Amino acid sequence: MGYGEKSQTHHIDMNTPSVARMYDALLGGVNNYEVDRTACNDLLRIAPSTQLLARNNRAFLRRVVRILVQDYGIRQFLDHGSGLPTQDNVHEIAQRFHDNCRVAYVDNDPMVHAHGRSTLDENDNTRVIDADMRHTQEVFEATESFFDWKKPIAALFVSVLHCLPDRNDELAPEAMIGRVVNMLPAGSFIVMCQLVSDDPTVRNDVTQLMAQATGNTWGRVRTREEVRAYFGGLRVLEPHLVDVVDWRPDSAPPPPELRATDWVEWGGVARL
């Protein structure tokens, strides 16, 4: 396994919540601290369905990767903001259906890299890139010899765009997405979903809570229309943009009374 060009020099901050560790806690993992669990509890008080959404999102990731491998022949995955290794990581799902699938994980959380080294060392078809996902050229250079850039690649932005703040420069989420789309070979896919809410109170309260908890390193809960704009000009696969529980489900999706009412993971898959 390669780790890109940079060595890990970041300090693991155990006093400030980490989005990756909070997500791990919501999935029932053990790679988190009390400060992360406290932040999760605060989040659950505002949006009680948060833990359900985390699990629904993970199930969506499993389905997307499996379908891209089995139905579309994708063998290369670029996972932006990958988070901590947990059960059914992208490479585990993909390689279950084709041994030669290659997966590059992009994250700048030092704990992600610490665990990546300990869990992925024996897998030559994985790579962990220590980079801000918005630094597209850096990501490309770190994967230039790892991927075959003449063949299709699936770029994943699964439950991560809400971690990126709005900006008016090249680090804006929409600017990053545009660069990735232009970089990917023909026939590639881009998968995007993020937390959205129709309730402005939920959007504002969660955004403020996460900004305070992470020292203003988080982004924003957005609306469906804002996420739809990320897919502008792209050919979106059926069933188009939906609550992720409705994206090609393996079984009947939950009835209305069992669905989240405060916020949802919303997005889809586009082919270039």
C-alpha atoms as a PDB file:
ATOM      1  CA  MET A   1       0.000   0.000   0.000  1.00  0.00           C
ATOM      2  CA  GLY A   2       1.226   3.469  -0.859  1.00  0.00           C
ATOM      3  CA  TYR A   3       0.467   6.589   1.103  1.00  0.00           C
ATOM      4  CA  GLY A   4       0.994   9.379  -1.369  1.00  0.00           C
ATOM      5  CA  GLU A   5       3.968  11.644  -1.184  1.00  0.00           C
ATOM      6  CA  LYS A   6       3.549  13.210   2.240  1.00  0.00           C
ATOM      7  CA  SER A   7       4.481  11.656   5.542  1.00  0.00           C
ATOM      8  CA  GLN A   8       2.086  11.922   8.449  1.00  0.00           C
ATOM      9  CA  THR A   9       3.084  14.932  10.488  1.00  0.00           C
ATOM     10  CA  HIS A  10      -0.325  15.982  11.818  1.00  0.00           C
ATOM     11  CA  HIS A  11      -1.108  15.846  15.503  1.00  0.00           C
ATOM     12  CA  ILE A  12      -4.162  13.831  16.574  1.00  0.00           C
ATOM     13  CA  ASP A  13      -6.294  16.290  18.559  1.00  0.00           C
ATOM     14  CA  MET A  14      -8.172  14.361  21.245  1.00  0.00           C
ATOM     15  CA  ASN A  15      -9.814  17.502  22.647  1.00  0.00           C
ATOM     16  CA  THR A  16     -11.714  18.628  19.558  1.00  0.00           C
ATOM     17  CA  PRO A  17     -14.365  16.446  17.880  1.00  0.00           C
ATOM     18  CA  SER A  18     -13.398  14.939  14.550  1.00  0.00           C
ATOM     19  CA  VAL A  19     -16.008  14.361  11.845  1.00  0.00           C
ATOM     20  CA  ALA A  20     -14.398  11.016  10.986  1.00  0.00           C
ATOM     21  CA  ARG A  21     -14.445   9.888  14.623  1.00  0.00           C
ATOM     22  CA  MET A  22     -18.019  11.118  15.119  1.00  0.00           C
ATOM     23  CA  TYR A  23     -19.122   9.088  12.107  1.00  0.00           C
ATOM     24  CA  ASP A  24     -17.309   6.085  13.549  1.00  0.00           C
ATOM     25  CA  ALA A  25     -19.166   6.571  16.842  1.00  0.00           C
ATOM     26  CA  LEU A  26     -22.531   6.809  15.083  1.00  0.00           C
ATOM     27  CA  LEU A  27     -21.789   3.509  13.328  1.00  0.00           C
ATOM     28  CA  GLY A  28     -20.987   1.868  16.677  1.00  0.00           C
ATOM     29  CA  GLY A  29     -17.213   1.876  16.163  1.00  0.00           C
ATOM     30  CA  VAL A  30     -14.515   2.119  18.818  1.00  0.00           C
ATOM     31  CA  ASN A  31     -12.075   4.522  17.144  1.00  0.00           C
ATOM     32  CA  ASN A  32     -13.419   7.638  18.843  1.00  0.00           C
ATOM     33  CA  TYR A  33     -13.069   9.635  22.055  1.00  0.00           C
ATOM     34  CA  GLU A  34     -15.408  10.984  24.694  1.00  0.00           C
ATOM     35  CA  VAL A  35     -15.357  14.409  23.040  1.00  0.00           C
ATOM     36  CA  ASP A  36     -16.650  12.820  19.807  1.00  0.00           C
ATOM     37  CA  ARG A  37     -19.417  10.923  21.592  1.00  0.00           C
ATOM     38  CA  THR A  38     -20.476  14.079  23.425  1.00  0.00           C
ATOM     39  CA  ALA A  39     -20.716  15.946  20.119  1.00  0.00           C
ATOM     40  CA  CYS A  40     -22.775  13.067  18.686  1.00  0.00           C
ATOM     41  CA  ASN A  41     -25.172  13.276  21.627  1.00  0.00           C
ATOM     42  CA  ASP A  42     -25.554  17.015  21.066  1.00  0.00           C
ATOM     43  CA  LEU A  43     -26.230  16.348  17.401  1.00  0.00           C
ATOM     44  CA  LEU A  44     -28.813  13.679  18.197  1.00  0.00           C
ATOM     45  CA  ARG A  45     -30.729  16.139  20.353  1.00  0.00           C
ATOM     46  CA  ILE A  46     -31.151  18.445  17.348  1.00  0.00           C
ATOM     47  CA  ALA A  47     -31.638  15.720  14.728  1.00  0.00           C
ATOM     48  CA  PRO A  48     -32.681  12.423  16.373  1.00  0.00           C
ATOM     49  CA  SER A  49     -32.406  10.428  13.138  1.00  0.00           C
ATOM     50  CA  THR A  50     -28.661  11.100  12.772  1.00  0.00           C
ATOM     51  CA  GLN A  51     -27.572   7.571  13.697  1.00  0.00           C
ATOM     52  CA  LEU A  52     -30.131   6.056  11.318  1.00  0.00           C
ATOM     53  CA  LEU A  53     -28.833   8.308   8.550  1.00  0.00           C
ATOM     54  CA  ALA A  54     -25.244   7.187   9.161  1.00  0.00           C
ATOM     55  CA  ARG A  55     -26.280   3.554   8.767  1.00  0.00           C
ATOM     56  CA  ASN A  56     -28.418   4.270   5.703  1.00  0.00           C
ATOM     57  CA  ASN A  57     -25.481   6.083   4.161  1.00  0.00           C
ATOM     58  CA  ARG A  58     -23.181   3.116   4.741  1.00  0.00           C
ATOM     59  CA  ALA A  59     -25.705   0.780   3.125  1.00  0.00           C
ATOM     60  CA  PHE A  60     -25.907   3.157   0.140  1.00  0.00           C
ATOM     61  CA  LEU A  61     -22.127   3.052  -0.216  1.00  0.00           C
ATOM     62  CA  ARG A  62     -22.196  -0.753  -0.263  1.00  0.00           C
ATOM     63  CA  ARG A  63     -24.852  -0.826  -2.971  1.00  0.00           C
ATOM     64  CA  VAL A  64     -23.181   1.820  -5.122  1.00  0.00           C
ATOM     65  CA  VAL A  65     -19.783   0.136  -5.100  1.00  0.00           C
ATOM     66  CA  ARG A  66     -21.229  -3.323  -5.755  1.00  0.00           C
ATOM     67  CA  ILE A  67     -23.379  -2.096  -8.639  1.00  0.00           C
ATOM     68  CA  LEU A  68     -20.551  -0.107 -10.212  1.00  0.00           C
ATOM     69  CA  VAL A  69     -18.301  -3.180 -10.126  1.00  0.00           C
ATOM     70  CA  GLN A  70     -20.869  -5.760 -11.197  1.00  0.00           C
ATOM     71  CA  ASP A  71     -23.050  -3.833 -13.641  1.00  0.00           C
ATOM     72  CA  TYR A  72     -20.696  -1.209 -15.040  1.00  0.00           C
ATOM     73  CA  GLY A  73     -17.294  -2.893 -14.866  1.00  0.00           C
ATOM     74  CA  ILE A  74     -15.617  -0.238 -12.715  1.00  0.00           C
ATOM     75  CA  ARG A  75     -12.289  -1.376 -11.259  1.00  0.00           C
ATOM     76  CA  GLN A  76     -10.937   1.923  -9.889  1.00  0.00           C
ATOM     77  CA  PHE A  77     -12.374   3.992  -7.031  1.00  0.00           C
ATOM     78  CA  LEU A  78     -11.259   7.372  -5.708  1.00  0.00           C
ATOM     79  CA  ASP A  79     -12.870   7.856  -2.294  1.00  0.00           C
ATOM     80  CA  HIS A  80     -12.809  11.489  -1.145  1.00  0.00           C
ATOM     81  CA  GLY A  81     -13.056  12.097   2.592  1.00  0.00           C
ATOM     82  CA  SER A  82     -12.968   8.382   3.261  1.00  0.00           C
ATOM     83  CA  GLY A  83     -13.029   8.522   7.067  1.00  0.00           C
ATOM     84  CA  LEU A  84     -11.884   5.835   9.474  1.00  0.00           C
ATOM     85  CA  PRO A  85     -11.639   2.235   8.305  1.00  0.00           C
ATOM     86  CA  THR A  86     -14.731   0.340   9.401  1.00  0.00           C
ATOM     87  CA  GLN A  87     -16.671  -2.714   8.294  1.00  0.00           C
ATOM     88  CA  ASP A  88     -17.135  -2.946   4.531  1.00  0.00           C
ATOM     89  CA  ASN A  89     -14.726  -0.297   3.351  1.00  0.00           C
ATOM     90  CA  VAL A  90     -14.781   0.511  -0.350  1.00  0.00           C
ATOM     91  CA  HIS A  91     -11.904  -1.822  -1.203  1.00  0.00           C
ATOM     92  CA  GLU A  92     -13.493  -4.696   0.743  1.00  0.00           C
ATOM     93  CA  ILE A  93     -16.777  -4.301  -1.103  1.00  0.00           C
ATOM     94  CA  ALA A  94     -15.191  -3.852  -4.522  1.00  0.00           C
ATOM     95  CA  GLN A  95     -12.624  -6.650  -4.172  1.00  0.00           C
ATOM     96  CA  ARG A  96     -15.349  -9.017  -2.999  1.00  0.00           C
ATOM     97  CA  PHE A  97     -16.728  -8.859  -6.543  1.00  0.00           C
ATOM     98  CA  HIS A  98     -13.453  -8.425  -8.456  1.00  0.00           C
ATOM     99  CA  ASP A  99     -10.018  -9.115  -6.986  1.00  0.00           C
ATOM    100  CA  ASN A 100      -8.215  -6.491  -9.054  1.00  0.00           C
ATOM    101  CA  CYS A 101     -10.212  -3.445  -8.012  1.00  0.00           C
ATOM    102  CA  ARG A 102      -7.998  -0.585  -6.898  1.00  0.00           C
ATOM    103  CA  VAL A 103      -9.076   1.979  -4.318  1.00  0.00           C
ATOM    104  CA  ALA A 104      -7.432   5.243  -3.296  1.00  0.00           C
ATOM    105  CA  TYR A 105      -8.661   6.875  -0.100  1.00  0.00           C
ATOM    106  CA  VAL A 106      -8.249  10.642   0.293  1.00  0.00           C
ATOM    107  CA  ASP A 107      -8.372  12.183   3.767  1.00  0.00           C
ATOM    108  CA  ASN A 108      -6.386  14.680   5.812  1.00  0.00           C
ATOM    109  CA  ASP A 109      -7.475  13.423   9.250  1.00  0.00           C
ATOM    110  CA  PRO A 110      -4.326  12.092  11.021  1.00  0.00           C
ATOM    111  CA  MET A 111      -6.267   9.346  12.786  1.00  0.00           C
ATOM    112  CA  VAL A 112      -7.518   8.055   9.440  1.00  0.00           C
ATOM    113  CA  HIS A 113      -3.906   7.628   8.322  1.00  0.00           C
ATOM    114  CA  ALA A 114      -2.831   5.980  11.560  1.00  0.00           C
ATOM    115  CA  HIS A 115      -5.545   3.361  11.202  1.00  0.00           C
ATOM    116  CA  GLY A 116      -5.077   3.138   7.444  1.00  0.00           C
ATOM    117  CA  ARG A 117      -1.469   2.077   7.912  1.00  0.00           C
ATOM    118  CA  SER A 118      -2.431  -0.605  10.422  1.00  0.00           C
ATOM    119  CA  THR A 119      -5.352  -2.061   8.454  1.00  0.00           C
ATOM    120  CA  LEU A 120      -4.375  -1.723   4.787  1.00  0.00           C
ATOM    121  CA  ASP A 121      -0.677  -2.568   4.824  1.00  0.00           C
ATOM    122  CA  GLU A 122      -1.121  -5.962   3.219  1.00  0.00           C
ATOM    123  CA  ASN A 123      -3.338  -4.790   0.358  1.00  0.00           C
ATOM    124  CA  ASP A 124      -1.320  -3.645  -2.656  1.00  0.00           C
ATOM    125  CA  ASN A 125      -4.465  -2.459  -4.431  1.00  0.00           C
ATOM    126  CA  THR A 126      -5.180   0.281  -1.906  1.00  0.00           C
ATOM    127  CA  ARG A 127      -3.591   3.641  -1.312  1.00  0.00           C
ATOM    128  CA  VAL A 128      -4.215   6.308   1.330  1.00  0.00           C
ATOM    129  CA  ILE A 129      -3.587   9.875   0.184  1.00  0.00           C
ATOM    130  CA  ASP A 130      -2.820  12.456   2.882  1.00  0.00           C
ATOM    131  CA  ALA A 131      -4.438  15.465   1.262  1.00  0.00           C
ATOM    132  CA  ASP A 132      -7.279  17.927   1.470  1.00  0.00           C
ATOM    133  CA  MET A 133      -9.819  16.500  -0.971  1.00  0.00           C
ATOM    134  CA  ARG A 134     -10.229  19.964  -2.512  1.00  0.00           C
ATOM    135  CA  HIS A 135      -6.610  19.960  -3.714  1.00  0.00           C
ATOM    136  CA  THR A 136      -7.454  18.115  -6.912  1.00  0.00           C
ATOM    137  CA  GLN A 137      -4.048  18.402  -8.569  1.00  0.00           C
ATOM    138  CA  GLU A 138      -2.321  17.003  -5.489  1.00  0.00           C
ATOM    139  CA  VAL A 139      -4.740  14.053  -5.447  1.00  0.00           C
ATOM    140  CA  PHE A 140      -4.142  13.454  -9.155  1.00  0.00           C
ATOM    141  CA  GLU A 141      -0.367  13.475  -8.747  1.00  0.00           C
ATOM    142  CA  ALA A 142      -0.547  11.062  -5.801  1.00  0.00           C
ATOM    143  CA  THR A 143      -2.632   8.595  -7.843  1.00  0.00           C
ATOM    144  CA  GLU A 144      -1.083   9.134 -11.272  1.00  0.00           C
ATOM    145  CA  SER A 145       0.930   5.922 -11.160  1.00  0.00           C
ATOM    146  CA  PHE A 146      -1.618   4.018  -9.069  1.00  0.00           C
ATOM    147  CA  PHE A 147      -4.630   4.329 -11.401  1.00  0.00           C
ATOM    148  CA  ASP A 148      -4.824   3.817 -15.138  1.00  0.00           C
ATOM    149  CA  TRP A 149      -6.117   7.259 -16.026  1.00  0.00           C
ATOM    150  CA  LYS A 150      -7.179   6.073 -19.469  1.00  0.00           C
ATOM    151  CA  LYS A 151      -9.812   3.800 -17.936  1.00  0.00           C
ATOM    152  CA  PRO A 152     -12.988   4.782 -16.050  1.00  0.00           C
ATOM    153  CA  ILE A 153     -12.746   5.741 -12.382  1.00  0.00           C
ATOM    154  CA  ALA A 154     -15.550   6.164  -9.856  1.00  0.00           C
ATOM    155  CA  ALA A 155     -15.051   9.315  -7.778  1.00  0.00           C
ATOM    156  CA  LEU A 156     -16.901   9.045  -4.475  1.00  0.00           C
ATOM    157  CA  PHE A 157     -18.117  11.990  -2.395  1.00  0.00           C
ATOM    158  CA  VAL A 158     -20.329  10.038  -0.018  1.00  0.00           C
ATOM    159  CA  SER A 159     -21.648  11.982   2.979  1.00  0.00           C
ATOM    160  CA  VAL A 160     -18.734  14.400   2.818  1.00  0.00           C
ATOM    161  CA  LEU A 161     -19.788  17.523   0.899  1.00  0.00           C
ATOM    162  CA  HIS A 162     -21.572  18.916   3.962  1.00  0.00           C
ATOM    163  CA  CYS A 163     -18.132  18.954   5.630  1.00  0.00           C
ATOM    164  CA  LEU A 164     -16.966  21.598   3.131  1.00  0.00           C
ATOM    165  CA  PRO A 165     -17.759  25.270   3.775  1.00  0.00           C
ATOM    166  CA  ASP A 166     -19.088  27.629   1.131  1.00  0.00           C
ATOM    167  CA  ARG A 167     -16.402  29.724  -0.517  1.00  0.00           C
ATOM    168  CA  ASN A 168     -15.942  32.063  -3.456  1.00  0.00           C
ATOM    169  CA  ASP A 169     -12.706  30.556  -4.731  1.00  0.00           C
ATOM    170  CA  GLU A 170     -11.236  27.332  -6.087  1.00  0.00           C
ATOM    171  CA  LEU A 171     -11.826  25.570  -2.756  1.00  0.00           C
ATOM    172  CA  ALA A 172     -15.611  25.884  -3.054  1.00  0.00           C
ATOM    173  CA  PRO A 173     -17.360  22.475  -3.248  1.00  0.00           C
ATOM    174  CA  GLU A 174     -18.794  23.188  -6.697  1.00  0.00           C
ATOM    175  CA  ALA A 175     -15.373  24.272  -8.000  1.00  0.00           C
ATOM    176  CA  MET A 176     -13.801  21.060  -6.677  1.00  0.00           C
ATOM    177  CA  ILE A 177     -16.506  18.938  -8.285  1.00  0.00           C
ATOM    178  CA  GLY A 178     -15.982  20.693 -11.602  1.00  0.00           C
ATOM    179  CA  ARG A 179     -12.246  19.975 -11.515  1.00  0.00           C
ATOM    180  CA  VAL A 180     -12.798  16.314 -10.687  1.00  0.00           C
ATOM    181  CA  VAL A 181     -15.330  15.942 -13.503  1.00  0.00           C
ATOM    182  CA  ASN A 182     -12.858  17.472 -15.952  1.00  0.00           C
ATOM    183  CA  MET A 183     -10.046  15.254 -14.676  1.00  0.00           C
ATOM    184  CA  LEU A 184     -11.859  11.909 -14.896  1.00  0.00           C
ATOM    185  CA  PRO A 185     -11.612   9.755 -18.043  1.00  0.00           C
ATOM    186  CA  ALA A 186     -14.645   9.238 -20.249  1.00  0.00           C
ATOM    187  CA  GLY A 187     -17.020   6.586 -18.936  1.00  0.00           C
ATOM    188  CA  SER A 188     -16.215   7.440 -15.318  1.00  0.00           C
ATOM    189  CA  PHE A 189     -18.772   7.941 -12.563  1.00  0.00           C
ATOM    190  CA  ILE A 190     -19.213  10.489  -9.811  1.00  0.00           C
ATOM    191  CA  VAL A 191     -21.175   9.620  -6.680  1.00  0.00           C
ATOM    192  CA  MET A 192     -22.365  12.468  -4.464  1.00  0.00           C
ATOM    193  CA  CYS A 193     -24.660  12.680  -1.472  1.00  0.00           C
ATOM    194  CA  GLN A 194     -24.831  14.974   1.517  1.00  0.00           C
ATOM    195  CA  LEU A 195     -27.049  15.872   4.452  1.00  0.00           C
ATOM    196  CA  VAL A 196     -30.005  18.040   3.469  1.00  0.00           C
ATOM    197  CA  SER A 197     -33.040  19.334   5.303  1.00  0.00           C
ATOM    198  CA  ASP A 198     -36.233  21.131   4.360  1.00  0.00           C
ATOM    199  CA  ASP A 199     -36.332  22.599   7.861  1.00  0.00           C
ATOM    200  CA  PRO A 200     -34.282  25.825   8.115  1.00  0.00           C
ATOM    201  CA  THR A 201     -34.076  25.428  11.883  1.00  0.00           C
ATOM    202  CA  VAL A 202     -32.428  22.008  11.542  1.00  0.00           C
ATOM    203  CA  ARG A 203     -30.080  23.330   8.861  1.00  0.00           C
ATOM    204  CA  ASN A 204     -29.014  26.283  10.966  1.00  0.00           C
ATOM    205  CA  ASP A 205     -28.814  24.522  14.333  1.00  0.00           C
ATOM    206  CA  VAL A 206     -26.802  21.553  13.058  1.00  0.00           C
ATOM    207  CA  THR A 207     -24.497  23.794  11.061  1.00  0.00           C
ATOM    208  CA  GLN A 208     -23.838  26.002  14.090  1.00  0.00           C
ATOM    209  CA  LEU A 209     -23.315  23.024  16.390  1.00  0.00           C
ATOM    210  CA  MET A 210     -20.820  21.363  14.051  1.00  0.00           C
ATOM    211  CA  ALA A 211     -18.985  24.626  13.413  1.00  0.00           C
ATOM    212  CA  GLN A 212     -18.563  25.182  17.153  1.00  0.00           C
ATOM    213  CA  ALA A 213     -17.622  21.552  17.848  1.00  0.00           C
ATOM    214  CA  THR A 214     -14.990  21.346  15.104  1.00  0.00           C
ATOM    215  CA  GLY A 215     -13.512  24.829  15.418  1.00  0.00           C
ATOM    216  CA  ASN A 216     -15.178  26.098  12.251  1.00  0.00           C
ATOM    217  CA  THR A 217     -13.765  23.317  10.079  1.00  0.00           C
ATOM    218  CA  TRP A 218     -17.173  21.997   9.018  1.00  0.00           C
ATOM    219  CA  GLY A 219     -19.433  23.048   6.165  1.00  0.00           C
ATOM    220  CA  ARG A 220     -23.203  23.335   6.022  1.00  0.00           C
ATOM    221  CA  VAL A 221     -26.424  21.350   5.884  1.00  0.00           C
ATOM    222  CA  ARG A 222     -27.845  22.285   2.485  1.00  0.00           C
ATOM    223  CA  THR A 223     -31.063  21.983   0.519  1.00  0.00           C
ATOM    224  CA  ARG A 224     -31.931  19.498  -2.213  1.00  0.00           C
ATOM    225  CA  GLU A 225     -31.721  22.229  -4.826  1.00  0.00           C
ATOM    226  CA  GLU A 226     -28.208  23.137  -3.766  1.00  0.00           C
ATOM    227  CA  VAL A 227     -27.094  19.514  -4.100  1.00  0.00           C
ATOM    228  CA  ARG A 228     -28.936  19.238  -7.422  1.00  0.00           C
ATOM    229  CA  ALA A 229     -26.754  22.089  -8.683  1.00  0.00           C
ATOM    230  CA  TYR A 230     -23.649  19.941  -8.050  1.00  0.00           C
ATOM    231  CA  PHE A 231     -24.973  17.545 -10.712  1.00  0.00           C
ATOM    232  CA  GLY A 232     -25.627  20.309 -13.235  1.00  0.00           C
ATOM    233  CA  GLY A 233     -24.881  19.141 -16.771  1.00  0.00           C
ATOM    234  CA  LEU A 234     -24.197  15.542 -15.722  1.00  0.00           C
ATOM    235  CA  ARG A 235     -26.113  12.457 -16.851  1.00  0.00           C
ATOM    236  CA  VAL A 236     -27.642  11.099 -13.646  1.00  0.00           C
ATOM    237  CA  LEU A 237     -28.461   7.410 -13.440  1.00  0.00           C
ATOM    238  CA  GLU A 238     -31.915   6.149 -12.467  1.00  0.00           C
ATOM    239  CA  PRO A 239     -33.536   6.724 -10.019  1.00  0.00           C
ATOM    240  CA  HIS A 240     -31.956  10.181 -10.337  1.00  0.00           C
ATOM    241  CA  LEU A 241     -31.436  12.203  -7.137  1.00  0.00           C
ATOM    242  CA  VAL A 242     -33.144  10.724  -4.096  1.00  0.00           C
ATOM    243  CA  ASP A 243     -32.949   9.951  -0.397  1.00  0.00           C
ATOM    244  CA  VAL A 244     -30.156   7.366  -0.479  1.00  0.00           C
ATOM    245  CA  VAL A 245     -32.437   4.659   0.985  1.00  0.00           C
ATOM    246  CA  ASP A 246     -34.347   4.853  -2.320  1.00  0.00           C
ATOM    247  CA  TRP A 247     -31.294   4.450  -4.552  1.00  0.00           C
ATOM    248  CA  ARG A 248     -31.623   0.940  -6.050  1.00  0.00           C
ATOM    249  CA  PRO A 249     -32.509  -0.676  -2.699  1.00  0.00           C
ATOM    250  CA  ASP A 250     -31.875  -4.377  -2.121  1.00  0.00           C
ATOM    251  CA  SER A 251     -35.220  -4.659  -0.324  1.00  0.00           C
ATOM    252  CA  ALA A 252     -38.347  -2.569   0.076  1.00  0.00           C
ATOM    253  CA  PRO A 253     -37.408   0.900   1.345  1.00  0.00           C
ATOM    254  CA  PRO A 254     -38.838   1.982   4.694  1.00  0.00           C
ATOM    255  CA  PRO A 255     -42.420   3.285   4.798  1.00  0.00           C
ATOM    256  CA  PRO A 256     -43.013   6.990   5.498  1.00  0.00           C
ATOM    257  CA  GLU A 257     -43.595   6.467   9.222  1.00  0.00           C
ATOM    258  CA  LEU A 258     -40.113   4.915   9.597  1.00  0.00           C
ATOM    259  CA  ARG A 259     -38.238   7.582   7.656  1.00  0.00           C
ATOM    260  CA  ALA A 260     -36.284  10.489   9.038  1.00  0.00           C
ATOM    261  CA  THR A 261     -38.270  13.705   9.170  1.00  0.00           C
ATOM    262  CA  ASP A 262     -35.536  16.103  10.260  1.00  0.00           C
ATOM    263  CA  TRP A 263     -32.908  15.535   7.583  1.00  0.00           C
ATOM    264  CA  VAL A 264     -31.795  12.957   5.005  1.00  0.00           C
ATOM    265  CA  GLU A 265     -28.772  11.891   2.986  1.00  0.00           C
ATOM    266  CA  TRP A 266     -29.667  12.968  -0.548  1.00  0.00           C
ATOM    267  CA  GLY A 267     -27.892  12.508  -3.845  1.00  0.00           C
ATOM    268  CA  GLY A 268     -27.144  10.018  -6.591  1.00  0.00           C
ATOM    269  CA  VAL A 269     -24.753   8.758  -9.251  1.00  0.00           C
ATOM    270  CA  ALA A 270     -23.812  10.365 -12.581  1.00  0.00           C
ATOM    271  CA  ARG A 271     -21.928   8.909 -15.534  1.00  0.00           C
ATOM    272  CA  LEU A 272     -19.491  11.054 -17.498  1.00  0.00           C
END
